[in-house]
């Protein structure tokens, strides 16, 4: 098998994506769980362990709402602008056809998030276990490799996926990659700001 197919999935995978909404909604919830879970990671048990029942119920309700809201915001805010931009570019290239829809672009984004999640969890688990001693541990290189691999796969899967859907190649693929990196970093900054200013404030 082509090494690129192993790392970023075969192109046929993206061509098989459908507009099935149930799968989309399930994916949105899973992305929300990923976002909130990775953000709170070490802090999460502290919001439930040894807390009064009313606080546990309150925190649980807040986290469930946060998962849903963050999942929707993350998937929609990233996918719709990217879809609109690439659709506009496609219309400028007369004669070009594509099979992309907003739902399919969302599914590519969801797929990228879910595939790299085990790498992120593994890196966070190791880093949490060693804490401040990680820099003196031989496991530091493992954390670094996992983190770098997750970033490469994340940006790579999104870029390859939407490039296949929109039938873009060459220079256009490079432009998609640059757009994905810059826009994803911008959204990450905004979401982390909201998490710190809103979610952390609400939890007890």
N, C-alpha and C. Protein backbone atom coordinates (compact mmCIF):
# COMPACT_ATOMS: atom_id res chain seq x y z
N UNK A 1 0.84 -1.20 0.00
CA UNK A 1 0.00 0.00 0.00
C UNK A 1 0.87 1.25 0.00
N UNK A 2 0.41 2.27 -0.70
CA UNK A 2 1.10 3.54 -0.74
C UNK A 2 1.23 4.11 0.68
N UNK A 3 2.47 4.49 1.11
CA UNK A 3 2.66 5.04 2.46
C UNK A 3 1.76 6.23 2.75
N UNK A 4 1.50 7.04 1.72
CA UNK A 4 0.63 8.20 1.89
C UNK A 4 -0.80 7.77 2.19
N UNK A 5 -1.22 6.66 1.58
CA UNK A 5 -2.56 6.13 1.85
C UNK A 5 -2.67 5.62 3.28
N UNK A 6 -1.58 5.06 3.79
CA UNK A 6 -1.58 4.56 5.16
C UNK A 6 -1.64 5.71 6.17
N UNK A 7 -0.98 6.80 5.84
CA UNK A 7 -0.90 7.94 6.76
C UNK A 7 -2.12 8.85 6.67
N UNK A 8 -2.59 9.10 5.45
CA UNK A 8 -3.66 10.09 5.23
C UNK A 8 -4.93 9.48 4.66
N UNK A 9 -5.02 8.16 4.62
CA UNK A 9 -6.16 7.41 4.09
C UNK A 9 -6.18 7.44 2.55
N UNK A 10 -6.63 6.35 1.94
CA UNK A 10 -6.73 6.30 0.47
C UNK A 10 -7.74 7.32 -0.06
N UNK A 11 -7.54 7.78 -1.27
CA UNK A 11 -8.47 8.74 -1.86
C UNK A 11 -9.86 8.16 -1.99
N UNK A 12 -9.94 6.85 -2.17
CA UNK A 12 -11.25 6.21 -2.31
C UNK A 12 -12.10 6.37 -1.05
N UNK A 13 -11.44 6.52 0.10
CA UNK A 13 -12.18 6.73 1.36
C UNK A 13 -13.00 8.01 1.31
N UNK A 14 -12.41 9.06 0.77
CA UNK A 14 -13.09 10.35 0.70
C UNK A 14 -14.19 10.34 -0.38
N UNK A 15 -13.93 9.58 -1.45
CA UNK A 15 -14.94 9.49 -2.51
C UNK A 15 -16.19 8.74 -2.06
N UNK A 16 -16.04 7.92 -1.02
CA UNK A 16 -17.16 7.13 -0.52
C UNK A 16 -18.01 7.88 0.51
N UNK A 17 -17.58 9.06 0.89
CA UNK A 17 -18.35 9.85 1.86
C UNK A 17 -19.72 10.20 1.29
N UNK A 18 -20.73 10.15 2.14
CA UNK A 18 -22.09 10.45 1.71
C UNK A 18 -22.63 11.65 2.49
N UNK A 19 -23.87 12.01 2.19
CA UNK A 19 -24.53 13.12 2.87
C UNK A 19 -25.42 12.65 4.02
N UNK A 20 -25.18 11.44 4.49
CA UNK A 20 -25.96 10.88 5.59
C UNK A 20 -25.85 11.78 6.83
N UNK A 21 -26.98 12.28 7.31
CA UNK A 21 -26.96 13.24 8.41
C UNK A 21 -26.77 12.58 9.77
N UNK A 22 -27.25 11.35 9.94
CA UNK A 22 -27.10 10.69 11.24
C UNK A 22 -25.62 10.51 11.58
N UNK A 23 -24.85 10.07 10.60
CA UNK A 23 -23.40 9.90 10.81
C UNK A 23 -22.76 11.25 11.13
N UNK A 24 -23.22 12.30 10.45
CA UNK A 24 -22.70 13.65 10.69
C UNK A 24 -22.97 14.09 12.13
N UNK A 25 -24.20 13.91 12.59
CA UNK A 25 -24.55 14.35 13.95
C UNK A 25 -23.77 13.57 15.00
N UNK A 26 -23.60 12.27 14.75
CA UNK A 26 -22.81 11.45 15.67
C UNK A 26 -21.37 11.95 15.72
N UNK A 27 -20.83 12.27 14.55
CA UNK A 27 -19.46 12.78 14.48
C UNK A 27 -19.29 14.10 15.19
N UNK A 28 -20.28 14.98 15.09
CA UNK A 28 -20.22 16.28 15.76
C UNK A 28 -20.13 16.09 17.27
N UNK A 29 -20.93 15.17 17.80
CA UNK A 29 -20.89 14.89 19.24
C UNK A 29 -19.53 14.34 19.65
N UNK A 30 -18.97 13.45 18.84
CA UNK A 30 -17.66 12.87 19.15
C UNK A 30 -16.57 13.93 19.12
N UNK A 31 -16.66 14.87 18.19
CA UNK A 31 -15.68 15.97 18.13
C UNK A 31 -15.82 16.83 19.38
N UNK A 32 -17.06 17.06 19.83
CA UNK A 32 -17.27 17.83 21.05
C UNK A 32 -16.67 17.14 22.26
N UNK A 33 -16.83 15.82 22.34
CA UNK A 33 -16.23 15.05 23.44
C UNK A 33 -14.72 15.16 23.39
N UNK A 34 -14.17 15.07 22.19
CA UNK A 34 -12.70 15.19 22.02
C UNK A 34 -12.23 16.57 22.49
N UNK A 35 -12.90 17.61 22.03
CA UNK A 35 -12.48 18.98 22.36
C UNK A 35 -12.49 19.23 23.87
N UNK A 36 -13.62 18.90 24.50
CA UNK A 36 -13.75 19.16 25.93
C UNK A 36 -12.86 18.22 26.74
N UNK A 37 -12.79 16.96 26.32
CA UNK A 37 -11.98 15.98 27.03
C UNK A 37 -10.50 16.33 27.03
N UNK A 38 -9.98 16.72 25.88
CA UNK A 38 -8.56 17.06 25.80
C UNK A 38 -8.27 18.38 26.52
N UNK A 39 -9.24 19.30 26.50
CA UNK A 39 -9.02 20.59 27.17
C UNK A 39 -8.96 20.42 28.68
N UNK A 40 -9.88 19.62 29.22
CA UNK A 40 -9.95 19.46 30.68
C UNK A 40 -9.03 18.35 31.22
N UNK A 41 -8.73 17.39 30.41
CA UNK A 41 -7.88 16.23 30.69
C UNK A 41 -7.64 15.94 32.17
N UNK A 42 -6.61 16.56 32.77
CA UNK A 42 -6.26 16.28 34.16
C UNK A 42 -7.27 16.89 35.15
N UNK A 43 -7.95 17.96 34.75
CA UNK A 43 -8.86 18.66 35.66
C UNK A 43 -10.22 17.96 35.80
N UNK A 44 -10.59 17.16 34.81
CA UNK A 44 -11.95 16.61 34.76
C UNK A 44 -12.38 15.85 36.01
N UNK A 45 -11.56 14.92 36.54
CA UNK A 45 -12.00 14.19 37.75
C UNK A 45 -12.28 15.12 38.93
N UNK A 46 -11.58 16.23 39.01
CA UNK A 46 -11.73 17.15 40.13
C UNK A 46 -13.09 17.83 40.19
N UNK A 47 -13.82 17.82 39.07
CA UNK A 47 -15.14 18.43 39.05
C UNK A 47 -16.23 17.48 39.54
N UNK A 48 -15.85 16.23 39.84
CA UNK A 48 -16.83 15.25 40.29
C UNK A 48 -16.44 14.56 41.60
N UNK A 49 -15.16 14.23 41.74
CA UNK A 49 -14.70 13.49 42.91
C UNK A 49 -14.88 14.31 44.19
N UNK A 50 -15.61 13.75 45.16
CA UNK A 50 -15.78 14.39 46.46
C UNK A 50 -16.68 15.60 46.47
N UNK A 51 -17.41 15.83 45.37
CA UNK A 51 -18.29 17.00 45.29
C UNK A 51 -19.71 16.63 45.76
N UNK A 52 -20.45 17.59 46.30
CA UNK A 52 -21.85 17.34 46.66
C UNK A 52 -22.66 16.96 45.42
N UNK A 53 -23.76 16.25 45.62
CA UNK A 53 -24.55 15.75 44.51
C UNK A 53 -25.03 16.87 43.58
N UNK A 54 -25.45 17.99 44.16
CA UNK A 54 -25.96 19.07 43.33
C UNK A 54 -24.86 19.67 42.45
N UNK A 55 -23.63 19.68 42.97
CA UNK A 55 -22.50 20.19 42.19
C UNK A 55 -22.16 19.21 41.07
N UNK A 56 -22.20 17.91 41.38
CA UNK A 56 -21.93 16.88 40.37
C UNK A 56 -22.94 16.98 39.23
N UNK A 57 -24.22 17.13 39.59
CA UNK A 57 -25.26 17.24 38.57
C UNK A 57 -25.10 18.52 37.75
N UNK A 58 -24.76 19.60 38.43
CA UNK A 58 -24.56 20.88 37.74
C UNK A 58 -23.39 20.80 36.77
N UNK A 59 -22.26 20.27 37.25
CA UNK A 59 -21.09 20.15 36.38
C UNK A 59 -21.35 19.19 35.23
N UNK A 60 -22.08 18.09 35.51
CA UNK A 60 -22.40 17.14 34.45
C UNK A 60 -23.26 17.77 33.37
N UNK A 61 -24.24 18.55 33.77
CA UNK A 61 -25.11 19.23 32.81
C UNK A 61 -24.34 20.25 31.98
N UNK A 62 -23.46 20.98 32.64
CA UNK A 62 -22.65 21.99 31.95
C UNK A 62 -21.74 21.32 30.93
N UNK A 63 -21.13 20.21 31.31
CA UNK A 63 -20.21 19.52 30.40
C UNK A 63 -20.95 18.91 29.22
N UNK A 64 -22.13 18.36 29.46
CA UNK A 64 -22.92 17.82 28.35
C UNK A 64 -23.29 18.92 27.35
N UNK A 65 -23.70 20.07 27.88
CA UNK A 65 -24.03 21.21 27.02
C UNK A 65 -22.78 21.69 26.28
N UNK A 66 -21.65 21.72 26.98
CA UNK A 66 -20.40 22.17 26.38
C UNK A 66 -19.96 21.25 25.25
N UNK A 67 -20.14 19.95 25.43
CA UNK A 67 -19.79 18.97 24.40
C UNK A 67 -20.60 19.24 23.14
N UNK A 68 -21.90 19.43 23.31
CA UNK A 68 -22.78 19.66 22.16
C UNK A 68 -22.47 20.98 21.47
N UNK A 69 -22.35 22.05 22.26
CA UNK A 69 -22.09 23.37 21.70
C UNK A 69 -20.73 23.43 21.02
N UNK A 70 -19.71 22.89 21.69
CA UNK A 70 -18.37 22.93 21.11
C UNK A 70 -18.28 22.08 19.86
N UNK A 71 -18.93 20.92 19.86
CA UNK A 71 -18.91 20.07 18.68
C UNK A 71 -19.53 20.77 17.48
N UNK A 72 -20.68 21.41 17.70
CA UNK A 72 -21.36 22.12 16.62
C UNK A 72 -20.51 23.29 16.13
N UNK A 73 -20.01 24.09 17.06
CA UNK A 73 -19.21 25.26 16.69
C UNK A 73 -17.94 24.85 15.95
N UNK A 74 -17.26 23.85 16.47
CA UNK A 74 -15.99 23.42 15.89
C UNK A 74 -16.19 22.95 14.45
N UNK A 75 -17.12 22.03 14.25
CA UNK A 75 -17.33 21.44 12.93
C UNK A 75 -17.89 22.47 11.93
N UNK A 76 -18.91 23.21 12.35
CA UNK A 76 -19.54 24.15 11.42
C UNK A 76 -18.65 25.36 11.12
N UNK A 77 -18.04 25.93 12.15
CA UNK A 77 -17.23 27.13 11.94
C UNK A 77 -16.00 26.85 11.09
N UNK A 78 -15.50 25.61 11.14
CA UNK A 78 -14.35 25.28 10.29
C UNK A 78 -14.81 24.89 8.88
N UNK A 79 -15.81 24.05 8.79
CA UNK A 79 -16.15 23.42 7.52
C UNK A 79 -16.88 24.34 6.54
N UNK A 80 -17.85 25.12 7.03
CA UNK A 80 -18.63 25.95 6.12
C UNK A 80 -17.80 27.01 5.40
N UNK A 81 -16.97 27.79 6.11
CA UNK A 81 -16.14 28.77 5.40
C UNK A 81 -15.18 28.11 4.40
N UNK A 82 -14.62 26.96 4.77
CA UNK A 82 -13.71 26.25 3.86
C UNK A 82 -14.47 25.78 2.63
N UNK A 83 -15.66 25.25 2.83
CA UNK A 83 -16.48 24.78 1.70
C UNK A 83 -16.83 25.95 0.79
N UNK A 84 -17.25 27.07 1.37
CA UNK A 84 -17.64 28.23 0.56
C UNK A 84 -16.45 28.76 -0.24
N UNK A 85 -15.28 28.81 0.39
CA UNK A 85 -14.08 29.31 -0.29
C UNK A 85 -13.70 28.43 -1.46
N UNK A 86 -13.67 27.12 -1.23
CA UNK A 86 -13.26 26.20 -2.30
C UNK A 86 -14.32 26.09 -3.39
N UNK A 87 -15.58 26.25 -3.04
CA UNK A 87 -16.64 26.27 -4.05
C UNK A 87 -16.51 27.50 -4.94
N UNK A 88 -16.16 28.63 -4.33
CA UNK A 88 -15.95 29.86 -5.09
C UNK A 88 -14.79 29.70 -6.07
N UNK A 89 -13.70 29.09 -5.58
CA UNK A 89 -12.53 28.87 -6.45
C UNK A 89 -12.90 27.95 -7.60
N UNK A 90 -13.69 26.92 -7.31
CA UNK A 90 -14.08 25.98 -8.34
C UNK A 90 -14.91 26.66 -9.42
N UNK A 91 -15.80 27.56 -9.02
CA UNK A 91 -16.64 28.24 -9.99
C UNK A 91 -15.82 29.14 -10.91
N UNK A 92 -14.69 29.61 -10.39
CA UNK A 92 -13.82 30.46 -11.20
C UNK A 92 -13.06 29.65 -12.25
N UNK A 93 -12.95 28.35 -12.00
CA UNK A 93 -12.25 27.46 -12.94
C UNK A 93 -13.31 26.78 -13.82
N UNK A 94 -13.61 27.37 -14.91
CA UNK A 94 -14.69 26.89 -15.77
C UNK A 94 -14.42 25.46 -16.24
N UNK A 95 -15.48 24.68 -16.24
CA UNK A 95 -15.37 23.30 -16.71
C UNK A 95 -15.02 22.31 -15.63
N UNK A 96 -14.57 22.78 -14.47
CA UNK A 96 -14.22 21.87 -13.38
C UNK A 96 -15.48 21.40 -12.68
N UNK A 97 -15.49 20.13 -12.33
CA UNK A 97 -16.62 19.56 -11.59
C UNK A 97 -16.10 18.96 -10.29
N UNK A 98 -17.01 18.81 -9.33
CA UNK A 98 -16.60 18.20 -8.07
C UNK A 98 -17.81 17.56 -7.41
N UNK A 99 -17.51 16.70 -6.42
CA UNK A 99 -18.58 15.99 -5.72
C UNK A 99 -18.75 16.50 -4.29
N UNK A 100 -18.12 17.63 -4.00
CA UNK A 100 -18.12 18.15 -2.63
C UNK A 100 -19.47 18.73 -2.25
N UNK A 101 -19.83 18.51 -0.99
CA UNK A 101 -20.97 19.19 -0.36
C UNK A 101 -20.48 19.65 1.01
N UNK A 102 -21.22 20.54 1.63
CA UNK A 102 -20.83 21.01 2.96
C UNK A 102 -20.78 19.84 3.95
N UNK A 103 -21.73 18.92 3.83
CA UNK A 103 -21.77 17.77 4.74
C UNK A 103 -20.53 16.91 4.57
N UNK A 104 -20.10 16.68 3.35
CA UNK A 104 -18.92 15.85 3.10
C UNK A 104 -17.65 16.51 3.64
N UNK A 105 -17.56 17.82 3.49
CA UNK A 105 -16.40 18.54 4.03
C UNK A 105 -16.40 18.42 5.56
N UNK A 106 -17.57 18.53 6.17
CA UNK A 106 -17.66 18.35 7.62
C UNK A 106 -17.18 16.96 8.03
N UNK A 107 -17.54 15.95 7.25
CA UNK A 107 -17.16 14.58 7.58
C UNK A 107 -15.65 14.38 7.45
N UNK A 108 -15.03 15.05 6.48
CA UNK A 108 -13.56 14.99 6.37
C UNK A 108 -12.93 15.58 7.63
N UNK A 109 -13.46 16.71 8.06
CA UNK A 109 -12.94 17.37 9.27
C UNK A 109 -13.14 16.48 10.50
N UNK A 110 -14.31 15.88 10.62
CA UNK A 110 -14.58 14.98 11.74
C UNK A 110 -13.64 13.79 11.70
N UNK A 111 -13.46 13.22 10.52
CA UNK A 111 -12.58 12.07 10.35
C UNK A 111 -11.16 12.39 10.81
N UNK A 112 -10.65 13.56 10.43
CA UNK A 112 -9.30 13.96 10.83
C UNK A 112 -9.19 14.06 12.35
N UNK A 113 -10.19 14.67 12.97
CA UNK A 113 -10.19 14.82 14.42
C UNK A 113 -10.19 13.47 15.14
N UNK A 114 -11.04 12.56 14.68
CA UNK A 114 -11.17 11.28 15.36
C UNK A 114 -9.95 10.39 15.17
N UNK A 115 -9.35 10.45 13.99
CA UNK A 115 -8.19 9.59 13.71
C UNK A 115 -6.98 9.98 14.56
N UNK A 116 -6.77 11.28 14.78
CA UNK A 116 -5.60 11.71 15.55
C UNK A 116 -5.84 11.69 17.05
N UNK A 117 -7.09 11.48 17.48
CA UNK A 117 -7.40 11.49 18.90
C UNK A 117 -6.58 10.47 19.71
N UNK A 118 -6.44 9.22 19.26
CA UNK A 118 -5.62 8.27 20.03
C UNK A 118 -4.18 8.74 20.20
N UNK A 119 -3.63 9.42 19.20
CA UNK A 119 -2.26 9.94 19.31
C UNK A 119 -2.20 11.05 20.35
N UNK A 120 -3.19 11.94 20.33
CA UNK A 120 -3.25 13.04 21.31
C UNK A 120 -3.42 12.50 22.72
N UNK A 121 -4.29 11.50 22.87
CA UNK A 121 -4.54 10.91 24.19
C UNK A 121 -3.28 10.23 24.71
N UNK A 122 -2.58 9.50 23.85
CA UNK A 122 -1.35 8.82 24.26
C UNK A 122 -0.29 9.83 24.70
N UNK A 123 -0.12 10.91 23.93
CA UNK A 123 0.87 11.93 24.27
C UNK A 123 0.52 12.61 25.59
N UNK A 124 -0.76 12.95 25.77
CA UNK A 124 -1.20 13.59 27.02
C UNK A 124 -1.06 12.66 28.22
N UNK A 125 -1.36 11.38 28.02
CA UNK A 125 -1.26 10.41 29.11
C UNK A 125 0.18 10.28 29.61
N UNK A 126 1.10 10.19 28.68
CA UNK A 126 2.52 10.08 29.05
C UNK A 126 2.99 11.36 29.72
N UNK A 127 2.63 12.50 29.13
CA UNK A 127 3.05 13.79 29.69
C UNK A 127 2.47 13.98 31.10
N UNK A 128 1.21 13.59 31.29
CA UNK A 128 0.58 13.74 32.60
C UNK A 128 1.22 12.83 33.64
N UNK A 129 1.60 11.63 33.21
CA UNK A 129 2.19 10.67 34.13
C UNK A 129 3.53 11.15 34.68
N UNK A 130 4.33 11.74 33.81
CA UNK A 130 5.67 12.17 34.23
C UNK A 130 5.69 13.61 34.75
N UNK A 131 4.70 14.41 34.35
CA UNK A 131 4.63 15.79 34.85
C UNK A 131 5.88 16.59 34.54
N UNK A 132 6.40 17.27 35.55
CA UNK A 132 7.59 18.11 35.36
C UNK A 132 8.85 17.30 35.09
N UNK A 133 8.78 15.98 35.34
CA UNK A 133 9.96 15.13 35.12
C UNK A 133 10.06 14.63 33.68
N UNK A 134 9.11 15.03 32.84
CA UNK A 134 9.10 14.53 31.46
C UNK A 134 10.36 14.92 30.70
N UNK A 135 10.84 16.14 30.94
CA UNK A 135 12.02 16.62 30.20
C UNK A 135 13.25 15.77 30.48
N UNK A 136 13.28 15.10 31.64
CA UNK A 136 14.42 14.25 31.98
C UNK A 136 14.15 12.77 31.68
N UNK A 137 13.01 12.51 31.07
CA UNK A 137 12.61 11.13 30.80
C UNK A 137 12.86 10.75 29.34
N UNK A 138 13.22 9.49 29.09
CA UNK A 138 13.39 9.03 27.70
C UNK A 138 12.07 9.02 26.94
N UNK A 139 10.95 9.13 27.68
CA UNK A 139 9.63 9.13 27.03
C UNK A 139 9.33 10.47 26.37
N UNK A 140 10.17 11.48 26.61
CA UNK A 140 9.96 12.78 25.99
C UNK A 140 9.93 12.67 24.48
N UNK A 141 10.84 11.88 23.92
CA UNK A 141 10.92 11.72 22.47
C UNK A 141 9.66 11.07 21.93
N UNK A 142 9.06 10.17 22.72
CA UNK A 142 7.82 9.51 22.29
C UNK A 142 6.69 10.53 22.22
N UNK A 143 6.60 11.38 23.24
CA UNK A 143 5.58 12.42 23.25
C UNK A 143 5.75 13.36 22.06
N UNK A 144 6.99 13.73 21.78
CA UNK A 144 7.26 14.63 20.66
C UNK A 144 6.89 14.00 19.33
N UNK A 145 7.24 12.73 19.16
CA UNK A 145 6.93 12.01 17.91
C UNK A 145 5.43 11.88 17.73
N UNK A 146 4.73 11.51 18.80
CA UNK A 146 3.27 11.37 18.73
C UNK A 146 2.60 12.71 18.40
N UNK A 147 3.09 13.77 19.01
CA UNK A 147 2.51 15.10 18.78
C UNK A 147 2.73 15.57 17.35
N UNK A 148 3.95 15.37 16.85
CA UNK A 148 4.27 15.76 15.47
C UNK A 148 3.47 14.94 14.47
N UNK A 149 3.37 13.64 14.73
CA UNK A 149 2.62 12.75 13.84
C UNK A 149 1.14 13.15 13.81
N UNK A 150 0.59 13.51 14.97
CA UNK A 150 -0.81 13.92 15.05
C UNK A 150 -1.05 15.18 14.23
N UNK A 151 -0.14 16.13 14.31
CA UNK A 151 -0.28 17.39 13.56
C UNK A 151 -0.22 17.12 12.05
N UNK A 152 0.76 16.31 11.63
CA UNK A 152 0.92 15.99 10.21
C UNK A 152 -0.33 15.29 9.67
N UNK A 153 -0.81 14.31 10.42
CA UNK A 153 -1.99 13.56 9.97
C UNK A 153 -3.24 14.43 9.96
N UNK A 154 -3.38 15.28 10.96
CA UNK A 154 -4.55 16.14 11.07
C UNK A 154 -4.66 17.07 9.86
N UNK A 155 -3.61 17.85 9.62
CA UNK A 155 -3.64 18.77 8.49
C UNK A 155 -3.65 18.02 7.16
N UNK A 156 -2.92 16.91 7.12
CA UNK A 156 -2.81 16.14 5.88
C UNK A 156 -4.13 15.51 5.47
N UNK A 157 -4.86 14.93 6.43
CA UNK A 157 -6.14 14.29 6.13
C UNK A 157 -7.16 15.32 5.65
N UNK A 158 -7.22 16.46 6.32
CA UNK A 158 -8.17 17.49 5.89
C UNK A 158 -7.83 17.98 4.49
N UNK A 159 -6.56 18.26 4.25
CA UNK A 159 -6.13 18.77 2.95
C UNK A 159 -6.38 17.75 1.85
N UNK A 160 -6.01 16.51 2.10
CA UNK A 160 -6.21 15.48 1.07
C UNK A 160 -7.69 15.23 0.83
N UNK A 161 -8.45 15.19 1.92
CA UNK A 161 -9.87 14.92 1.80
C UNK A 161 -10.61 15.95 0.97
N UNK A 162 -10.43 17.23 1.29
CA UNK A 162 -11.16 18.27 0.54
C UNK A 162 -10.59 18.42 -0.87
N UNK A 163 -9.31 18.13 -1.05
CA UNK A 163 -8.72 18.19 -2.39
C UNK A 163 -9.35 17.13 -3.29
N UNK A 164 -9.59 15.95 -2.74
CA UNK A 164 -10.24 14.87 -3.50
C UNK A 164 -11.68 15.26 -3.82
N UNK A 165 -12.40 15.79 -2.83
CA UNK A 165 -13.80 16.15 -3.03
C UNK A 165 -13.96 17.25 -4.08
N UNK A 166 -13.04 18.21 -4.06
CA UNK A 166 -13.12 19.33 -5.00
C UNK A 166 -12.30 19.11 -6.26
N UNK A 167 -11.65 17.95 -6.34
CA UNK A 167 -10.84 17.62 -7.52
C UNK A 167 -9.72 18.64 -7.76
N UNK A 168 -9.09 19.06 -6.66
CA UNK A 168 -7.96 19.99 -6.74
C UNK A 168 -6.65 19.22 -6.73
N UNK A 169 -5.67 19.70 -7.47
CA UNK A 169 -4.34 19.09 -7.50
C UNK A 169 -3.28 20.18 -7.54
N UNK A 170 -2.02 19.77 -7.37
CA UNK A 170 -0.89 20.67 -7.53
C UNK A 170 -0.92 21.87 -6.63
N UNK A 171 -0.82 23.05 -7.23
CA UNK A 171 -0.73 24.30 -6.49
C UNK A 171 -1.96 24.53 -5.62
N UNK A 172 -3.11 24.13 -6.11
CA UNK A 172 -4.34 24.33 -5.34
C UNK A 172 -4.32 23.53 -4.04
N UNK A 173 -3.74 22.34 -4.09
CA UNK A 173 -3.63 21.53 -2.88
C UNK A 173 -2.75 22.21 -1.85
N UNK A 174 -1.65 22.81 -2.31
CA UNK A 174 -0.76 23.55 -1.41
C UNK A 174 -1.49 24.74 -0.79
N UNK A 175 -2.27 25.45 -1.59
CA UNK A 175 -3.03 26.58 -1.07
C UNK A 175 -4.07 26.13 -0.05
N UNK A 176 -4.67 24.96 -0.28
CA UNK A 176 -5.63 24.41 0.67
C UNK A 176 -4.93 24.11 1.99
N UNK A 177 -3.75 23.51 1.91
CA UNK A 177 -2.99 23.17 3.11
C UNK A 177 -2.68 24.42 3.93
N UNK A 178 -2.21 25.46 3.28
CA UNK A 178 -1.89 26.72 3.97
C UNK A 178 -3.14 27.31 4.62
N UNK A 179 -4.25 27.29 3.88
CA UNK A 179 -5.52 27.81 4.40
C UNK A 179 -5.98 27.02 5.61
N UNK A 180 -5.89 25.70 5.53
CA UNK A 180 -6.31 24.82 6.62
C UNK A 180 -5.49 25.09 7.88
N UNK A 181 -4.18 25.22 7.72
CA UNK A 181 -3.30 25.45 8.87
C UNK A 181 -3.62 26.79 9.54
N UNK A 182 -3.70 27.84 8.75
CA UNK A 182 -3.92 29.18 9.31
C UNK A 182 -5.30 29.29 9.96
N UNK A 183 -6.32 28.80 9.27
CA UNK A 183 -7.68 28.92 9.79
C UNK A 183 -7.90 28.04 11.01
N UNK A 184 -7.31 26.84 10.99
CA UNK A 184 -7.43 25.93 12.13
C UNK A 184 -6.77 26.51 13.36
N UNK A 185 -5.61 27.11 13.19
CA UNK A 185 -4.91 27.73 14.32
C UNK A 185 -5.70 28.90 14.89
N UNK A 186 -6.34 29.68 14.01
CA UNK A 186 -7.15 30.81 14.46
C UNK A 186 -8.34 30.33 15.28
N UNK A 187 -9.04 29.31 14.78
CA UNK A 187 -10.18 28.77 15.51
C UNK A 187 -9.76 28.16 16.84
N UNK A 188 -8.62 27.48 16.85
CA UNK A 188 -8.13 26.87 18.09
C UNK A 188 -7.90 27.93 19.15
N UNK A 189 -7.32 29.05 18.74
CA UNK A 189 -7.09 30.16 19.68
C UNK A 189 -8.41 30.69 20.23
N UNK A 190 -9.40 30.87 19.35
CA UNK A 190 -10.70 31.40 19.77
C UNK A 190 -11.40 30.42 20.72
N UNK A 191 -11.38 29.13 20.38
CA UNK A 191 -12.06 28.14 21.22
C UNK A 191 -11.39 27.99 22.58
N UNK A 192 -10.08 28.05 22.62
CA UNK A 192 -9.38 27.96 23.91
C UNK A 192 -9.69 29.18 24.76
N UNK A 193 -9.81 30.32 24.14
CA UNK A 193 -10.18 31.54 24.87
C UNK A 193 -11.57 31.38 25.49
N UNK A 194 -12.52 30.87 24.70
CA UNK A 194 -13.88 30.66 25.20
C UNK A 194 -13.91 29.61 26.32
N UNK A 195 -13.12 28.54 26.16
CA UNK A 195 -13.07 27.51 27.19
C UNK A 195 -12.58 28.09 28.51
N UNK A 196 -11.53 28.88 28.44
CA UNK A 196 -10.94 29.44 29.65
C UNK A 196 -11.81 30.52 30.29
N UNK A 197 -12.48 31.31 29.48
CA UNK A 197 -13.26 32.44 29.98
C UNK A 197 -14.69 32.06 30.34
N UNK A 198 -15.24 31.03 29.69
CA UNK A 198 -16.64 30.67 29.92
C UNK A 198 -16.78 29.34 30.65
N UNK A 199 -16.25 28.27 30.05
CA UNK A 199 -16.45 26.94 30.63
C UNK A 199 -15.85 26.81 32.02
N UNK A 200 -14.60 27.21 32.17
CA UNK A 200 -13.93 27.09 33.46
C UNK A 200 -14.64 27.93 34.53
N UNK A 201 -15.21 29.05 34.11
CA UNK A 201 -15.92 29.93 35.04
C UNK A 201 -17.22 29.28 35.53
N UNK A 202 -17.88 28.54 34.66
CA UNK A 202 -19.17 27.92 35.01
C UNK A 202 -19.01 26.68 35.89
N UNK A 203 -17.92 25.94 35.66
CA UNK A 203 -17.72 24.69 36.43
C UNK A 203 -17.31 25.02 37.86
N UNK A 204 -17.74 24.13 38.79
CA UNK A 204 -17.42 24.36 40.21
C UNK A 204 -16.63 23.17 40.78
